[in-house]
């Protein structure tokens, strides 16, 4: 915790954890209704794509 890289790591970690938190709560992936690795994997990919679509307007916004 004493080096500058730690602070950078924590900022990046927060950004990553926000995505997983959104996927679990909003996209309903906290307890999946699917069985099998393939179906659960596709459900996660679909939820991650939805998260990216939700973020897209904010990422494309032009700062004033």
N, C-alpha and C. Protein backbone atom coordinates (compact mmCIF):
# COMPACT_ATOMS: atom_id res chain seq x y z
N UNK A 1 0.82 -1.20 0.00
CA UNK A 1 0.00 0.00 0.00
C UNK A 1 0.86 1.26 0.00
N UNK A 2 2.16 1.08 0.00
CA UNK A 2 3.04 2.25 0.11
C UNK A 2 3.57 2.74 -1.23
N UNK A 3 3.22 2.09 -2.31
CA UNK A 3 3.75 2.54 -3.59
C UNK A 3 2.63 3.12 -4.45
N UNK A 4 3.01 3.89 -5.44
CA UNK A 4 2.03 4.60 -6.25
C UNK A 4 1.20 3.66 -7.11
N UNK A 5 1.75 2.52 -7.46
CA UNK A 5 1.02 1.56 -8.28
C UNK A 5 -0.20 1.00 -7.57
N UNK A 6 -0.18 0.97 -6.26
CA UNK A 6 -1.31 0.43 -5.50
C UNK A 6 -2.55 1.30 -5.68
N UNK A 7 -2.39 2.60 -5.65
CA UNK A 7 -3.52 3.52 -5.83
C UNK A 7 -4.11 3.35 -7.23
N UNK A 8 -3.25 3.20 -8.22
CA UNK A 8 -3.72 2.99 -9.59
C UNK A 8 -4.50 1.68 -9.66
N UNK A 9 -3.96 0.65 -9.04
CA UNK A 9 -4.60 -0.66 -9.03
C UNK A 9 -5.99 -0.60 -8.39
N UNK A 10 -6.14 0.16 -7.34
CA UNK A 10 -7.43 0.26 -6.66
C UNK A 10 -8.47 0.98 -7.52
N UNK A 11 -8.05 2.00 -8.28
CA UNK A 11 -8.98 2.69 -9.17
C UNK A 11 -9.45 1.76 -10.28
N UNK A 12 -8.52 1.02 -10.85
CA UNK A 12 -8.88 0.08 -11.92
C UNK A 12 -9.77 -1.03 -11.36
N UNK A 13 -9.44 -1.51 -10.17
CA UNK A 13 -10.24 -2.57 -9.55
C UNK A 13 -11.68 -2.12 -9.32
N UNK A 14 -11.86 -0.88 -8.89
CA UNK A 14 -13.21 -0.37 -8.66
C UNK A 14 -14.02 -0.39 -9.96
N UNK A 15 -13.39 0.00 -11.07
CA UNK A 15 -14.06 0.01 -12.37
C UNK A 15 -14.47 -1.41 -12.78
N UNK A 16 -13.62 -2.38 -12.53
CA UNK A 16 -13.92 -3.77 -12.88
C UNK A 16 -15.04 -4.30 -11.98
N UNK A 17 -14.95 -4.04 -10.69
CA UNK A 17 -15.95 -4.54 -9.74
C UNK A 17 -17.32 -3.93 -10.00
N UNK A 18 -17.38 -2.70 -10.48
CA UNK A 18 -18.67 -2.09 -10.81
C UNK A 18 -19.38 -2.88 -11.90
N UNK A 19 -18.64 -3.32 -12.88
CA UNK A 19 -19.24 -4.11 -13.97
C UNK A 19 -19.80 -5.42 -13.44
N UNK A 20 -19.02 -6.13 -12.64
CA UNK A 20 -19.51 -7.40 -12.10
C UNK A 20 -20.69 -7.19 -11.16
N UNK A 21 -20.67 -6.11 -10.39
CA UNK A 21 -21.79 -5.80 -9.51
C UNK A 21 -23.06 -5.53 -10.30
N UNK A 22 -22.94 -4.78 -11.41
CA UNK A 22 -24.10 -4.50 -12.25
C UNK A 22 -24.63 -5.79 -12.86
N UNK A 23 -23.74 -6.63 -13.33
CA UNK A 23 -24.16 -7.89 -13.95
C UNK A 23 -24.90 -8.76 -12.94
N UNK A 24 -24.43 -8.77 -11.70
CA UNK A 24 -25.07 -9.62 -10.69
C UNK A 24 -26.41 -9.06 -10.24
N UNK A 25 -26.52 -7.75 -10.09
CA UNK A 25 -27.76 -7.19 -9.56
C UNK A 25 -28.78 -6.88 -10.65
N UNK A 26 -28.40 -6.05 -11.59
CA UNK A 26 -29.34 -5.58 -12.60
C UNK A 26 -29.64 -6.66 -13.63
N UNK A 27 -28.60 -7.36 -14.09
CA UNK A 27 -28.79 -8.36 -15.13
C UNK A 27 -29.24 -9.71 -14.57
N UNK A 28 -29.36 -9.82 -13.27
CA UNK A 28 -29.90 -11.03 -12.67
C UNK A 28 -28.99 -12.24 -12.72
N UNK A 29 -27.69 -12.02 -12.71
CA UNK A 29 -26.76 -13.14 -12.78
C UNK A 29 -26.24 -13.55 -11.41
N UNK A 30 -26.85 -13.04 -10.35
CA UNK A 30 -26.41 -13.46 -9.01
C UNK A 30 -26.75 -14.93 -8.77
N UNK A 31 -27.87 -15.37 -9.31
CA UNK A 31 -28.22 -16.79 -9.25
C UNK A 31 -28.83 -17.14 -10.60
N UNK A 32 -28.03 -17.73 -11.43
CA UNK A 32 -28.46 -18.00 -12.79
C UNK A 32 -29.49 -19.12 -12.83
N UNK A 33 -30.33 -19.05 -13.80
CA UNK A 33 -31.35 -20.07 -13.97
C UNK A 33 -30.93 -21.15 -14.96
N UNK A 34 -29.69 -21.07 -15.43
CA UNK A 34 -29.21 -22.01 -16.42
C UNK A 34 -28.33 -23.07 -15.78
N UNK A 35 -28.24 -24.19 -16.46
CA UNK A 35 -27.33 -25.25 -16.04
C UNK A 35 -26.37 -25.52 -17.18
N UNK A 36 -25.16 -25.81 -16.81
CA UNK A 36 -24.15 -26.11 -17.81
C UNK A 36 -23.27 -24.91 -18.08
N UNK A 37 -22.03 -25.23 -18.32
CA UNK A 37 -21.02 -24.20 -18.52
C UNK A 37 -21.32 -23.33 -19.75
N UNK A 38 -21.73 -23.95 -20.83
CA UNK A 38 -21.98 -23.20 -22.06
C UNK A 38 -23.12 -22.20 -21.90
N UNK A 39 -24.23 -22.65 -21.33
CA UNK A 39 -25.38 -21.74 -21.20
C UNK A 39 -25.10 -20.62 -20.21
N UNK A 40 -24.45 -20.94 -19.11
CA UNK A 40 -24.11 -19.90 -18.14
C UNK A 40 -23.12 -18.92 -18.75
N UNK A 41 -22.18 -19.43 -19.53
CA UNK A 41 -21.21 -18.57 -20.20
C UNK A 41 -21.87 -17.62 -21.17
N UNK A 42 -22.80 -18.13 -21.97
CA UNK A 42 -23.50 -17.27 -22.91
C UNK A 42 -24.36 -16.24 -22.19
N UNK A 43 -24.98 -16.63 -21.08
CA UNK A 43 -25.79 -15.67 -20.32
C UNK A 43 -24.91 -14.55 -19.78
N UNK A 44 -23.70 -14.90 -19.34
CA UNK A 44 -22.78 -13.88 -18.83
C UNK A 44 -22.32 -12.96 -19.95
N UNK A 45 -21.99 -13.52 -21.09
CA UNK A 45 -21.57 -12.70 -22.23
C UNK A 45 -22.68 -11.75 -22.65
N UNK A 46 -23.91 -12.24 -22.68
CA UNK A 46 -25.05 -11.41 -23.02
C UNK A 46 -25.21 -10.27 -22.01
N UNK A 47 -25.07 -10.58 -20.72
CA UNK A 47 -25.20 -9.56 -19.68
C UNK A 47 -24.06 -8.54 -19.78
N UNK A 48 -22.85 -8.99 -20.08
CA UNK A 48 -21.72 -8.07 -20.23
C UNK A 48 -21.92 -7.15 -21.44
N UNK A 49 -22.47 -7.69 -22.52
CA UNK A 49 -22.76 -6.87 -23.69
C UNK A 49 -23.82 -5.82 -23.35
N UNK A 50 -24.82 -6.21 -22.58
CA UNK A 50 -25.85 -5.26 -22.16
C UNK A 50 -25.24 -4.15 -21.30
N UNK A 51 -24.32 -4.50 -20.43
CA UNK A 51 -23.64 -3.50 -19.59
C UNK A 51 -22.87 -2.52 -20.47
N UNK A 52 -22.19 -3.04 -21.50
CA UNK A 52 -21.46 -2.16 -22.40
C UNK A 52 -22.40 -1.22 -23.15
N UNK A 53 -23.57 -1.71 -23.54
CA UNK A 53 -24.54 -0.86 -24.22
C UNK A 53 -25.08 0.23 -23.29
N UNK A 54 -25.23 -0.11 -22.02
CA UNK A 54 -25.69 0.89 -21.04
C UNK A 54 -24.62 1.96 -20.86
N UNK A 55 -23.35 1.58 -20.88
CA UNK A 55 -22.25 2.53 -20.68
C UNK A 55 -21.95 3.36 -21.92
N UNK A 56 -22.35 2.87 -23.08
CA UNK A 56 -21.96 3.49 -24.34
C UNK A 56 -22.27 4.99 -24.45
N UNK A 57 -23.46 5.46 -24.10
CA UNK A 57 -23.72 6.91 -24.21
C UNK A 57 -22.76 7.75 -23.36
N UNK A 58 -22.42 7.26 -22.19
CA UNK A 58 -21.50 8.00 -21.33
C UNK A 58 -20.09 8.01 -21.92
N UNK A 59 -19.71 6.91 -22.53
CA UNK A 59 -18.37 6.85 -23.12
C UNK A 59 -18.26 7.72 -24.37
N UNK A 60 -19.36 7.86 -25.11
CA UNK A 60 -19.34 8.64 -26.34
C UNK A 60 -19.63 10.12 -26.11
N UNK A 61 -20.04 10.50 -24.90
CA UNK A 61 -20.37 11.89 -24.61
C UNK A 61 -19.12 12.77 -24.79
N UNK A 62 -19.35 13.91 -25.41
CA UNK A 62 -18.27 14.86 -25.63
C UNK A 62 -18.18 15.79 -24.43
N UNK A 63 -17.03 15.83 -23.77
CA UNK A 63 -16.91 16.73 -22.61
C UNK A 63 -16.96 18.19 -23.05
N UNK A 64 -17.65 19.00 -22.26
CA UNK A 64 -17.78 20.43 -22.60
C UNK A 64 -16.77 21.26 -21.86
